[in-house]
């Protein structure tokens, strides 16, 4: 093999190596771009899922608070109604007691004034 042939083969080999290197670099860039795109999609899906879970927990807590509030309101209304019924029952006795007290006061004043 002559020197010229060897140089030609070396040049050809170098050009092939450069081509393979360029192809490998392009494949690496495409792989990185695809990985970034996949990572972005995974991250967005995770954000959507987390937001949905958070909203679900907020809705559940709001429903629990609403139910508890309604139960407390109902209990309070029952207690108020019972207190009102008791007070209504005692109005007659309280009125009688006040009238007797007033009559006693009047009697005492009348006996003092003679």
PDB file of N, CA and C in Angstrom:
ATOM      1  N   UNK A   1       0.836  -1.158   0.000  1.00  0.00           N
ATOM      2  CA  UNK A   1       0.000   0.000   0.000  1.00  0.00           C
ATOM      3  C   UNK A   1       0.886   1.227   0.000  1.00  0.00           C
ATOM      4  N   UNK A   2       0.487   2.146  -0.820  1.00  0.00           N
ATOM      5  CA  UNK A   2       1.295   3.356  -0.942  1.00  0.00           C
ATOM      6  C   UNK A   2       0.899   4.357   0.127  1.00  0.00           C
ATOM      7  N   UNK A   3       1.763   5.309   0.261  1.00  0.00           N
ATOM      8  CA  UNK A   3       1.547   6.353   1.243  1.00  0.00           C
ATOM      9  C   UNK A   3       0.266   7.117   0.945  1.00  0.00           C
ATOM     10  N   UNK A   4      -0.023   7.372  -0.297  1.00  0.00           N
ATOM     11  CA  UNK A   4      -1.219   8.105  -0.702  1.00  0.00           C
ATOM     12  C   UNK A   4      -2.474   7.315  -0.356  1.00  0.00           C
ATOM     13  N   UNK A   5      -2.431   6.006  -0.571  1.00  0.00           N
ATOM     14  CA  UNK A   5      -3.578   5.175  -0.250  1.00  0.00           C
ATOM     15  C   UNK A   5      -3.837   5.162   1.257  1.00  0.00           C
ATOM     16  N   UNK A   6      -2.742   5.062   2.008  1.00  0.00           N
ATOM     17  CA  UNK A   6      -2.877   5.062   3.464  1.00  0.00           C
ATOM     18  C   UNK A   6      -3.476   6.378   3.926  1.00  0.00           C
ATOM     19  N   UNK A   7      -2.988   7.493   3.379  1.00  0.00           N
ATOM     20  CA  UNK A   7      -3.523   8.811   3.747  1.00  0.00           C
ATOM     21  C   UNK A   7      -4.999   8.924   3.362  1.00  0.00           C
ATOM     22  N   UNK A   8      -5.359   8.394   2.204  1.00  0.00           N
ATOM     23  CA  UNK A   8      -6.749   8.430   1.760  1.00  0.00           C
ATOM     24  C   UNK A   8      -7.614   7.611   2.710  1.00  0.00           C
ATOM     25  N   UNK A   9      -7.156   6.442   3.095  1.00  0.00           N
ATOM     26  CA  UNK A   9      -7.911   5.605   4.031  1.00  0.00           C
ATOM     27  C   UNK A   9      -8.054   6.290   5.395  1.00  0.00           C
ATOM     28  N   UNK A  10      -6.959   6.929   5.847  1.00  0.00           N
ATOM     29  CA  UNK A  10      -7.015   7.647   7.113  1.00  0.00           C
ATOM     30  C   UNK A  10      -8.032   8.794   7.054  1.00  0.00           C
ATOM     31  N   UNK A  11      -8.002   9.511   5.919  1.00  0.00           N
ATOM     32  CA  UNK A  11      -8.936  10.616   5.750  1.00  0.00           C
ATOM     33  C   UNK A  11     -10.363  10.100   5.733  1.00  0.00           C
ATOM     34  N   UNK A  12     -10.581   8.996   5.039  1.00  0.00           N
ATOM     35  CA  UNK A  12     -11.911   8.403   4.976  1.00  0.00           C
ATOM     36  C   UNK A  12     -12.352   7.952   6.363  1.00  0.00           C
ATOM     37  N   UNK A  13     -11.464   7.329   7.096  1.00  0.00           N
ATOM     38  CA  UNK A  13     -11.770   6.861   8.446  1.00  0.00           C
ATOM     39  C   UNK A  13     -12.084   8.051   9.356  1.00  0.00           C
ATOM     40  N   UNK A  14     -11.329   9.127   9.238  1.00  0.00           N
ATOM     41  CA  UNK A  14     -11.582  10.323  10.046  1.00  0.00           C
ATOM     42  C   UNK A  14     -12.948  10.925   9.721  1.00  0.00           C
ATOM     43  N   UNK A  15     -13.290  10.977   8.441  1.00  0.00           N
ATOM     44  CA  UNK A  15     -14.586  11.520   8.039  1.00  0.00           C
ATOM     45  C   UNK A  15     -15.731  10.639   8.556  1.00  0.00           C
ATOM     46  N   UNK A  16     -15.529   9.328   8.486  1.00  0.00           N
ATOM     47  CA  UNK A  16     -16.535   8.403   9.013  1.00  0.00           C
ATOM     48  C   UNK A  16     -16.676   8.576  10.533  1.00  0.00           C
ATOM     49  N   UNK A  17     -15.547   8.739  11.205  1.00  0.00           N
ATOM     50  CA  UNK A  17     -15.568   8.936  12.654  1.00  0.00           C
ATOM     51  C   UNK A  17     -16.280  10.237  12.995  1.00  0.00           C
ATOM     52  N   UNK A  18     -16.015  11.304  12.226  1.00  0.00           N
ATOM     53  CA  UNK A  18     -16.697  12.582  12.458  1.00  0.00           C
ATOM     54  C   UNK A  18     -18.203  12.438  12.243  1.00  0.00           C
ATOM     55  N   UNK A  19     -18.563  11.697  11.208  1.00  0.00           N
ATOM     56  CA  UNK A  19     -19.981  11.466  10.929  1.00  0.00           C
ATOM     57  C   UNK A  19     -20.649  10.691  12.046  1.00  0.00           C
ATOM     58  N   UNK A  20     -19.987   9.640  12.514  1.00  0.00           N
ATOM     59  CA  UNK A  20     -20.532   8.859  13.620  1.00  0.00           C
ATOM     60  C   UNK A  20     -20.634   9.699  14.886  1.00  0.00           C
ATOM     61  N   UNK A  21     -19.625  10.537  15.112  1.00  0.00           N
ATOM     62  CA  UNK A  21     -19.626  11.414  16.291  1.00  0.00           C
ATOM     63  C   UNK A  21     -20.790  12.413  16.209  1.00  0.00           C
ATOM     64  N   UNK A  22     -20.997  12.997  15.022  1.00  0.00           N
ATOM     65  CA  UNK A  22     -22.096  13.949  14.836  1.00  0.00           C
ATOM     66  C   UNK A  22     -23.442  13.254  15.037  1.00  0.00           C
ATOM     67  N   UNK A  23     -23.542  12.032  14.501  1.00  0.00           N
ATOM     68  CA  UNK A  23     -24.782  11.272  14.660  1.00  0.00           C
ATOM     69  C   UNK A  23     -25.021  10.947  16.132  1.00  0.00           C
ATOM     70  N   UNK A  24     -23.982  10.547  16.854  1.00  0.00           N
ATOM     71  CA  UNK A  24     -24.099  10.227  18.283  1.00  0.00           C
ATOM     72  C   UNK A  24     -24.480  11.477  19.084  1.00  0.00           C
ATOM     73  N   UNK A  25     -23.866  12.603  18.733  1.00  0.00           N
ATOM     74  CA  UNK A  25     -24.217  13.869  19.412  1.00  0.00           C
ATOM     75  C   UNK A  25     -25.685  14.222  19.180  1.00  0.00           C
ATOM     76  N   UNK A  26     -26.148  14.058  17.962  1.00  0.00           N
ATOM     77  CA  UNK A  26     -27.557  14.366  17.647  1.00  0.00           C
ATOM     78  C   UNK A  26     -28.494  13.425  18.393  1.00  0.00           C
ATOM     79  N   UNK A  27     -28.147  12.138  18.432  1.00  0.00           N
ATOM     80  CA  UNK A  27     -28.962  11.172  19.165  1.00  0.00           C
ATOM     81  C   UNK A  27     -28.985  11.517  20.661  1.00  0.00           C
ATOM     82  N   UNK A  28     -27.855  11.947  21.193  1.00  0.00           N
ATOM     83  CA  UNK A  28     -27.793  12.331  22.606  1.00  0.00           C
ATOM     84  C   UNK A  28     -28.686  13.549  22.851  1.00  0.00           C
ATOM     85  N   UNK A  29     -28.641  14.548  21.972  1.00  0.00           N
ATOM     86  CA  UNK A  29     -29.501  15.728  22.122  1.00  0.00           C
ATOM     87  C   UNK A  29     -30.983  15.338  22.058  1.00  0.00           C
ATOM     88  N   UNK A  30     -31.321  14.443  21.127  1.00  0.00           N
ATOM     89  CA  UNK A  30     -32.709  14.005  21.007  1.00  0.00           C
ATOM     90  C   UNK A  30     -33.150  13.221  22.249  1.00  0.00           C
ATOM     91  N   UNK A  31     -32.264  12.386  22.754  1.00  0.00           N
ATOM     92  CA  UNK A  31     -32.571  11.610  23.958  1.00  0.00           C
ATOM     93  C   UNK A  31     -32.790  12.537  25.149  1.00  0.00           C
ATOM     94  N   UNK A  32     -31.923  13.535  25.290  1.00  0.00           N
ATOM     95  CA  UNK A  32     -32.059  14.499  26.385  1.00  0.00           C
ATOM     96  C   UNK A  32     -33.351  15.289  26.235  1.00  0.00           C
ATOM     97  N   UNK A  33     -33.669  15.728  25.009  1.00  0.00           N
ATOM     98  CA  UNK A  33     -34.898  16.487  24.773  1.00  0.00           C
ATOM     99  C   UNK A  33     -36.129  15.636  25.108  1.00  0.00           C
ATOM    100  N   UNK A  34     -36.106  14.367  24.695  1.00  0.00           N
ATOM    101  CA  UNK A  34     -37.229  13.477  24.983  1.00  0.00           C
ATOM    102  C   UNK A  34     -37.354  13.254  26.495  1.00  0.00           C
ATOM    103  N   UNK A  35     -36.227  13.093  27.178  1.00  0.00           N
ATOM    104  CA  UNK A  35     -36.256  12.885  28.629  1.00  0.00           C
ATOM    105  C   UNK A  35     -36.807  14.122  29.335  1.00  0.00           C
ATOM    106  N   UNK A  36     -36.403  15.298  28.879  1.00  0.00           N
ATOM    107  CA  UNK A  36     -36.928  16.535  29.477  1.00  0.00           C
ATOM    108  C   UNK A  36     -38.435  16.652  29.242  1.00  0.00           C
ATOM    109  N   UNK A  37     -38.866  16.291  28.046  1.00  0.00           N
ATOM    110  CA  UNK A  37     -40.300  16.348  27.738  1.00  0.00           C
ATOM    111  C   UNK A  37     -41.071  15.375  28.627  1.00  0.00           C
ATOM    112  N   UNK A  38     -40.542  14.156  28.771  1.00  0.00           N
ATOM    113  CA  UNK A  38     -41.186  13.159  29.640  1.00  0.00           C
ATOM    114  C   UNK A  38     -41.213  13.632  31.092  1.00  0.00           C
ATOM    115  N   UNK A  39     -40.100  14.190  31.551  1.00  0.00           N
ATOM    116  CA  UNK A  39     -40.027  14.679  32.928  1.00  0.00           C
ATOM    117  C   UNK A  39     -41.036  15.803  33.142  1.00  0.00           C
ATOM    118  N   UNK A  40     -41.160  16.675  32.158  1.00  0.00           N
ATOM    119  CA  UNK A  40     -42.118  17.773  32.264  1.00  0.00           C
ATOM    120  C   UNK A  40     -43.543  17.234  32.347  1.00  0.00           C
ATOM    121  N   UNK A  41     -43.856  16.233  31.538  1.00  0.00           N
ATOM    122  CA  UNK A  41     -45.192  15.628  31.561  1.00  0.00           C
ATOM    123  C   UNK A  41     -45.449  14.948  32.912  1.00  0.00           C
ATOM    124  N   UNK A  42     -44.460  14.239  33.417  1.00  0.00           N
ATOM    125  CA  UNK A  42     -44.604  13.566  34.717  1.00  0.00           C
ATOM    126  C   UNK A  42     -44.826  14.593  35.818  1.00  0.00           C
ATOM    127  N   UNK A  43     -44.056  15.673  35.781  1.00  0.00           N
ATOM    128  CA  UNK A  43     -44.194  16.726  36.784  1.00  0.00           C
ATOM    129  C   UNK A  43     -45.572  17.381  36.705  1.00  0.00           C
ATOM    130  N   UNK A  44     -46.031  17.657  35.516  1.00  0.00           N
ATOM    131  CA  UNK A  44     -47.356  18.274  35.356  1.00  0.00           C
ATOM    132  C   UNK A  44     -48.455  17.333  35.850  1.00  0.00           C
ATOM    133  N   UNK A  45     -48.337  16.047  35.526  1.00  0.00           N
ATOM    134  CA  UNK A  45     -49.322  15.069  36.015  1.00  0.00           C
ATOM    135  C   UNK A  45     -49.312  15.006  37.540  1.00  0.00           C
ATOM    136  N   UNK A  46     -48.123  15.068  38.127  1.00  0.00           N
ATOM    137  CA  UNK A  46     -48.020  15.044  39.586  1.00  0.00           C
ATOM    138  C   UNK A  46     -48.669  16.295  40.184  1.00  0.00           C
ATOM    139  N   UNK A  47     -48.466  17.447  39.556  1.00  0.00           N
ATOM    140  CA  UNK A  47     -49.077  18.687  40.049  1.00  0.00           C
ATOM    141  C   UNK A  47     -50.599  18.599  39.980  1.00  0.00           C
ATOM    142  N   UNK A  48     -51.103  18.099  38.861  1.00  0.00           N
ATOM    143  CA  UNK A  48     -52.555  17.968  38.701  1.00  0.00           C
ATOM    144  C   UNK A  48     -53.120  17.007  39.740  1.00  0.00           C
ATOM    145  N   UNK A  49     -52.444  15.893  39.927  1.00  0.00           N
ATOM    146  CA  UNK A  49     -52.897  14.898  40.902  1.00  0.00           C
ATOM    147  C   UNK A  49     -52.862  15.476  42.322  1.00  0.00           C
ATOM    148  N   UNK A  50     -51.791  16.184  42.659  1.00  0.00           N
ATOM    149  CA  UNK A  50     -51.677  16.780  43.993  1.00  0.00           C
ATOM    150  C   UNK A  50     -52.768  17.825  44.213  1.00  0.00           C
ATOM    151  N   UNK A  51     -53.041  18.626  43.198  1.00  0.00           N
ATOM    152  CA  UNK A  51     -54.090  19.642  43.321  1.00  0.00           C
ATOM    153  C   UNK A  51     -55.458  18.984  43.507  1.00  0.00           C
ATOM    154  N   UNK A  52     -55.703  17.910  42.769  1.00  0.00           N
ATOM    155  CA  UNK A  52     -56.979  17.197  42.899  1.00  0.00           C
ATOM    156  C   UNK A  52     -57.118  16.581  44.288  1.00  0.00           C
ATOM    157  N   UNK A  53     -56.043  15.988  44.794  1.00  0.00           N
ATOM    158  CA  UNK A  53     -56.085  15.399  46.133  1.00  0.00           C
ATOM    159  C   UNK A  53     -56.298  16.469  47.195  1.00  0.00           C
ATOM    160  N   UNK A  54     -55.623  17.592  47.031  1.00  0.00           N
ATOM    161  CA  UNK A  54     -55.786  18.690  47.999  1.00  0.00           C
ATOM    162  C   UNK A  54     -57.225  19.195  47.986  1.00  0.00           C
ATOM    163  N   UNK A  55     -57.784  19.375  46.796  1.00  0.00           N
ATOM    164  CA  UNK A  55     -59.165  19.853  46.697  1.00  0.00           C
ATOM    165  C   UNK A  55     -60.129  18.839  47.300  1.00  0.00           C
ATOM    166  N   UNK A  56     -59.857  17.564  47.078  1.00  0.00           N
ATOM    167  CA  UNK A  56     -60.698  16.508  47.642  1.00  0.00           C
ATOM    168  C   UNK A  56     -60.672  16.565  49.173  1.00  0.00           C
ATOM    169  N   UNK A  57     -59.482  16.746  49.747  1.00  0.00           N
ATOM    170  CA  UNK A  57     -59.363  16.829  51.196  1.00  0.00           C
ATOM    171  C   UNK A  57     -60.058  18.081  51.729  1.00  0.00           C
ATOM    172  N   UNK A  58     -59.939  19.183  51.007  1.00  0.00           N
ATOM    173  CA  UNK A  58     -60.603  20.420  51.420  1.00  0.00           C
ATOM    174  C   UNK A  58     -62.116  20.228  51.377  1.00  0.00           C
ATOM    175  N   UNK A  59     -62.618  19.628  50.315  1.00  0.00           N
ATOM    176  CA  UNK A  59     -64.059  19.392  50.195  1.00  0.00           C
ATOM    177  C   UNK A  59     -64.563  18.469  51.304  1.00  0.00           C
ATOM    178  N   UNK A  60     -63.789  17.426  51.606  1.00  0.00           N
ATOM    179  CA  UNK A  60     -64.179  16.485  52.659  1.00  0.00           C
ATOM    180  C   UNK A  60     -64.216  17.194  54.015  1.00  0.00           C
ATOM    181  N   UNK A  61     -63.193  17.999  54.287  1.00  0.00           N
ATOM    182  CA  UNK A  61     -63.143  18.730  55.561  1.00  0.00           C
ATOM    183  C   UNK A  61     -64.296  19.724  55.652  1.00  0.00           C
ATOM    184  N   UNK A  62     -64.597  20.397  54.552  1.00  0.00           N
ATOM    185  CA  UNK A  62     -65.709  21.359  54.552  1.00  0.00           C
ATOM    186  C   UNK A  62     -67.029  20.650  54.823  1.00  0.00           C
ATOM    187  N   UNK A  63     -67.206  19.479  54.231  1.00  0.00           N
ATOM    188  CA  UNK A  63     -68.435  18.714  54.457  1.00  0.00           C
ATOM    189  C   UNK A  63     -68.537  18.279  55.922  1.00  0.00           C
ATOM    190  N   UNK A  64     -67.420  17.842  56.496  1.00  0.00           N
ATOM    191  CA  UNK A  64     -67.416  17.426  57.900  1.00  0.00           C
ATOM    192  C   UNK A  64     -67.735  18.612  58.816  1.00  0.00           C
ATOM    193  N   UNK A  65     -67.137  19.748  58.525  1.00  0.00           N
ATOM    194  CA  UNK A  65     -67.390  20.943  59.340  1.00  0.00           C
ATOM    195  C   UNK A  65     -68.854  21.362  59.206  1.00  0.00           C
ATOM    196  N   UNK A  66     -69.372  21.305  57.989  1.00  0.00           N
ATOM    197  CA  UNK A  66     -70.780  21.647  57.773  1.00  0.00           C
ATOM    198  C   UNK A  66     -71.711  20.737  58.540  1.00  0.00           C
ATOM    199  N   UNK A  67     -71.436  19.438  58.505  1.00  0.00           N
ATOM    200  CA  UNK A  67     -72.274  18.477  59.227  1.00  0.00           C
ATOM    201  C   UNK A  67     -72.182  18.700  60.732  1.00  0.00           C
ATOM    202  N   UNK A  68     -70.971  18.945  61.220  1.00  0.00           N
ATOM    203  CA  UNK A  68     -70.791  19.188  62.651  1.00  0.00           C
ATOM    204  C   UNK A  68     -71.496  20.476  63.064  1.00  0.00           C
ATOM    205  N   UNK A  69     -71.388  21.495  62.232  1.00  0.00           N
ATOM    206  CA  UNK A  69     -72.054  22.767  62.526  1.00  0.00           C
ATOM    207  C   UNK A  69     -73.571  22.591  62.572  1.00  0.00           C
ATOM    208  N   UNK A  70     -74.091  21.825  61.616  1.00  0.00           N
ATOM    209  CA  UNK A  70     -75.539  21.589  61.576  1.00  0.00           C
ATOM    210  C   UNK A  70     -75.988  20.823  62.822  1.00  0.00           C
ATOM    211  N   UNK A  71     -75.204  19.826  63.223  1.00  0.00           N
ATOM    212  CA  UNK A  71     -75.545  19.041  64.416  1.00  0.00           C
ATOM    213  C   UNK A  71     -75.525  19.927  65.660  1.00  0.00           C
ATOM    214  N   UNK A  72     -74.513  20.792  65.748  1.00  0.00           N
ATOM    215  CA  UNK A  72     -74.430  21.680  66.914  1.00  0.00           C
ATOM    216  C   UNK A  72     -75.600  22.666  66.922  1.00  0.00           C
ATOM    217  N   UNK A  73     -75.951  23.172  65.753  1.00  0.00           N
ATOM    218  CA  UNK A  73     -77.079  24.103  65.658  1.00  0.00           C
ATOM    219  C   UNK A  73     -78.369  23.408  66.087  1.00  0.00           C
ATOM    220  N   UNK A  74     -78.550  22.177  65.621  1.00  0.00           N
ATOM    221  CA  UNK A  74     -79.747  21.408  65.985  1.00  0.00           C
ATOM    222  C   UNK A  74     -79.801  21.176  67.495  1.00  0.00           C
ATOM    223  N   UNK A  75     -78.673  20.791  68.070  1.00  0.00           N
ATOM    224  CA  UNK A  75     -78.618  20.585  69.529  1.00  0.00           C
ATOM    225  C   UNK A  75     -78.923  21.890  70.265  1.00  0.00           C
ATOM    226  N   UNK A  76     -78.374  22.979  69.786  1.00  0.00           N
ATOM    227  CA  UNK A  76     -78.629  24.275  70.416  1.00  0.00           C
ATOM    228  C   UNK A  76     -80.086  24.672  70.339  1.00  0.00           C
ATOM    229  N   UNK A  77     -80.690  24.423  69.188  1.00  0.00           N
ATOM    230  CA  UNK A  77     -82.117  24.741  69.037  1.00  0.00           C
ATOM    231  C   UNK A  77     -82.973  23.877  69.968  1.00  0.00           C
ATOM    232  N   UNK A  78     -82.610  22.611  70.116  1.00  0.00           N
ATOM    233  CA  UNK A  78     -83.349  21.730  71.031  1.00  0.00           C
ATOM    234  C   UNK A  78     -83.209  22.223  72.469  1.00  0.00           C
ATOM    235  N   UNK A  79     -81.988  22.606  72.846  1.00  0.00           N
ATOM    236  CA  UNK A  79     -81.763  23.109  74.207  1.00  0.00           C
ATOM    237  C   UNK A  79     -82.538  24.391  74.437  1.00  0.00           C
ATOM    238  N   UNK A  80     -82.540  25.276  73.456  1.00  0.00           N
ATOM    239  CA  UNK A  80     -83.276  26.535  73.587  1.00  0.00           C
ATOM    240  C   UNK A  80     -84.773  26.275  73.711  1.00  0.00           C
ATOM    241  N   UNK A  81     -85.277  25.334  72.928  1.00  0.00           N
ATOM    242  CA  UNK A  81     -86.705  25.004  72.992  1.00  0.00           C
ATOM    243  C   UNK A  81     -87.056  24.416  74.362  1.00  0.00           C
ATOM    244  N   UNK A  82     -86.191  23.557  74.889  1.00  0.00           N
ATOM    245  CA  UNK A  82     -86.444  22.965  76.212  1.00  0.00           C
ATOM    246  C   UNK A  82     -86.402  24.041  77.288  1.00  0.00           C
ATOM    247  N   UNK A  83     -85.447  24.956  77.183  1.00  0.00           N
ATOM    248  CA  UNK A  83     -85.346  26.046  78.152  1.00  0.00           C
ATOM    249  C   UNK A  83     -86.571  26.948  78.080  1.00  0.00           C
ATOM    250  N   UNK A  84     -87.025  27.213  76.875  1.00  0.00           N
ATOM    251  CA  UNK A  84     -88.219  28.047  76.698  1.00  0.00           C
ATOM    252  C   UNK A  84     -89.443  27.354  77.294  1.00  0.00           C
ATOM    253  N   UNK A  85     -89.560  26.049  77.071  1.00  0.00           N
ATOM    254  CA  UNK A  85     -90.701  25.298  77.609  1.00  0.00           C
ATOM    255  C   UNK A  85     -90.676  25.326  79.136  1.00  0.00           C
ATOM    256  N   UNK A  86     -89.493  25.141  79.701  1.00  0.00           N
ATOM    257  CA  UNK A  86     -89.367  25.178  81.163  1.00  0.00           C
ATOM    258  C   UNK A  86     -89.720  26.563  81.685  1.00  0.00           C
ATOM    259  N   UNK A  87     -89.219  27.593  81.017  1.00  0.00           N
ATOM    260  CA  UNK A  87     -89.508  28.964  81.450  1.00  0.00           C
ATOM    261  C   UNK A  87     -90.993  29.262  81.331  1.00  0.00           C
ATOM    262  N   UNK A  88     -91.603  28.793  80.252  1.00  0.00           N
ATOM    263  CA  UNK A  88     -93.036  29.024  80.058  1.00  0.00           C
ATOM    264  C   UNK A  88     -93.840  28.352  81.161  1.00  0.00           C
ATOM    265  N   UNK A  89     -93.409  27.137  81.551  1.00  0.00           N
ATOM    266  CA  UNK A  89     -94.094  26.425  82.639  1.00  0.00           C
ATOM    267  C   UNK A  89     -93.972  27.178  83.955  1.00  0.00           C
ATOM    268  N   UNK A  90     -92.862  27.840  84.170  1.00  0.00           N
ATOM    269  CA  UNK A  90     -92.603  28.516  85.437  1.00  0.00           C
ATOM    270  C   UNK A  90     -93.178  29.931  85.496  1.00  0.00           C
ATOM    271  N   UNK A  91     -93.710  30.437  84.404  1.00  0.00           N
ATOM    272  CA  UNK A  91     -94.253  31.797  84.397  1.00  0.00           C
ATOM    273  C   UNK A  91     -95.394  31.927  85.407  1.00  0.00           C
ATOM    274  N   UNK A  92     -96.280  30.978  85.422  1.00  0.00           N
ATOM    275  CA  UNK A  92     -97.421  31.026  86.350  1.00  0.00           C
ATOM    276  C   UNK A  92     -96.964  31.045  87.790  1.00  0.00           C
ATOM    277  N   UNK A  93     -96.052  30.154  88.137  1.00  0.00           N
ATOM    278  CA  UNK A  93     -95.565  30.073  89.511  1.00  0.00           C
ATOM    279  C   UNK A  93     -94.812  31.344  89.870  1.00  0.00           C
ATOM    280  N   UNK A  94     -94.013  31.863  88.950  1.00  0.00           N
ATOM    281  CA  UNK A  94     -93.260  33.094  89.219  1.00  0.00           C
ATOM    282  C   UNK A  94     -94.217  34.265  89.394  1.00  0.00           C
ATOM    283  N   UNK A  95     -95.256  34.324  88.578  1.00  0.00           N
ATOM    284  CA  UNK A  95     -96.255  35.400  88.700  1.00  0.00           C
ATOM    285  C   UNK A  95     -96.955  35.316  90.052  1.00  0.00           C
ATOM    286  N   UNK A  96     -97.373  34.116  90.441  1.00  0.00           N
ATOM    287  CA  UNK A  96     -98.029  33.926  91.742  1.00  0.00           C
ATOM    288  C   UNK A  96     -97.108  34.354  92.876  1.00  0.00           C
ATOM    289  N   UNK A  97     -95.854  33.980  92.782  1.00  0.00           N
ATOM    290  CA  UNK A  97     -94.888  34.327  93.818  1.00  0.00           C
ATOM    291  C   UNK A  97     -94.720  35.837  93.904  1.00  0.00           C
ATOM    292  N   UNK A  98     -94.630  36.503  92.771  1.00  0.00           N
ATOM    293  CA  UNK A  98     -94.489  37.965  92.762  1.00  0.00           C
ATOM    294  C   UNK A  98     -95.739  38.643  93.331  1.00  0.00           C
ATOM    295  N   UNK A  99     -96.899  38.133  92.979  1.00  0.00           N
ATOM    296  CA  UNK A  99     -98.138  38.710  93.490  1.00  0.00           C
ATOM    297  C   UNK A  99     -98.217  38.536  95.007  1.00  0.00           C
ATOM    298  N   UNK A 100     -97.875  37.355  95.515  1.00  0.00           N
ATOM    299  CA  UNK A 100     -97.893  37.113  96.961  1.00  0.00           C
ATOM    300  C   UNK A 100     -96.908  38.047  97.674  1.00  0.00           C
ATOM    301  N   UNK A 101     -95.726  38.188  97.081  1.00  0.00           N
ATOM    302  CA  UNK A 101     -94.717  39.070  97.664  1.00  0.00           C
ATOM    303  C   UNK A 101     -95.227  40.505  97.698  1.00  0.00           C
ATOM    304  N   UNK A 102     -95.854  40.923  96.598  1.00  0.00           N
ATOM    305  CA  UNK A 102     -96.418  42.272  96.527  1.00  0.00           C
ATOM    306  C   UNK A 102     -97.524  42.450  97.566  1.00  0.00           C
ATOM    307  N   UNK A 103     -98.414  41.447  97.690  1.00  0.00           N
ATOM    308  CA  UNK A 103     -99.508  41.523  98.672  1.00  0.00           C
ATOM    309  C   UNK A 103     -98.947  41.587 100.095  1.00  0.00           C
ATOM    310  N   UNK A 104     -97.913  40.820 100.379  1.00  0.00           N
ATOM    311  CA  UNK A 104     -97.291  40.853 101.693  1.00  0.00           C
ATOM    312  C   UNK A 104     -96.719  42.244 101.978  1.00  0.00           C
ATOM    313  N   UNK A 105     -96.061  42.823 100.963  1.00  0.00           N
ATOM    314  CA  UNK A 105     -95.505  44.171 101.108  1.00  0.00           C
ATOM    315  C   UNK A 105     -96.622  45.180 101.390  1.00  0.00           C
ATOM    316  N   UNK A 106     -97.705  45.057 100.624  1.00  0.00           N
ATOM    317  CA  UNK A 106     -98.847  45.964 100.818  1.00  0.00           C
ATOM    318  C   UNK A 106     -99.430  45.784 102.219  1.00  0.00           C
ATOM    319  N   UNK A 107     -99.576  44.531 102.678  1.00  0.00           N
ATOM    320  CA  UNK A 107    -100.100  44.271 104.026  1.00  0.00           C
ATOM    321  C   UNK A 107     -99.212  44.880 105.095  1.00  0.00           C
ATOM    322  N   UNK A 108     -97.882  44.712 104.914  1.00  0.00           N
ATOM    323  CA  UNK A 108     -96.945  45.266 105.894  1.00  0.00           C
ATOM    324  C   UNK A 108     -97.068  46.781 105.926  1.00  0.00           C
ATOM    325  N   UNK A 109     -97.128  47.388 104.762  1.00  0.00           N
ATOM    326  CA  UNK A 109     -97.246  48.859 104.689  1.00  0.00           C
ATOM    327  C   UNK A 109     -98.591  49.328 105.280  1.00  0.00           C
ATOM    328  N   UNK A 110     -99.625  48.564 105.018  1.00  0.00           N
ATOM    329  CA  UNK A 110    -100.947  48.925 105.513  1.00  0.00           C
ATOM    330  C   UNK A 110    -100.985  48.822 107.046  1.00  0.00           C
ATOM    331  N   UNK A 111    -100.372  47.772 107.589  1.00  0.00           N
ATOM    332  CA  UNK A 111    -100.376  47.607 109.035  1.00  0.00           C
ATOM    333  C   UNK A 111     -99.497  48.653 109.703  1.00  0.00           C
ATOM    334  N   UNK A 112     -98.458  49.137 109.037  1.00  0.00           N
ATOM    335  CA  UNK A 112     -97.605  50.166 109.587  1.00  0.00           C
ATOM    336  C   UNK A 112     -98.308  51.530 109.580  1.00  0.00           C
ATOM    337  N   UNK A 113     -99.132  51.753 108.600  1.00  0.00           N
ATOM    338  CA  UNK A 113     -99.807  53.040 108.458  1.00  0.00           C
ATOM    339  C   UNK A 113    -101.151  53.049 109.167  1.00  0.00           C
ATOM    340  N   UNK A 114    -101.542  51.970 109.608  1.00  0.00           N
ATOM    341  CA  UNK A 114    -102.598  51.852 110.451  1.00  0.00           C
ATOM    342  C   UNK A 114    -103.986  51.879 110.307  1.00  0.00           C
TER     343      UNK A 114
END
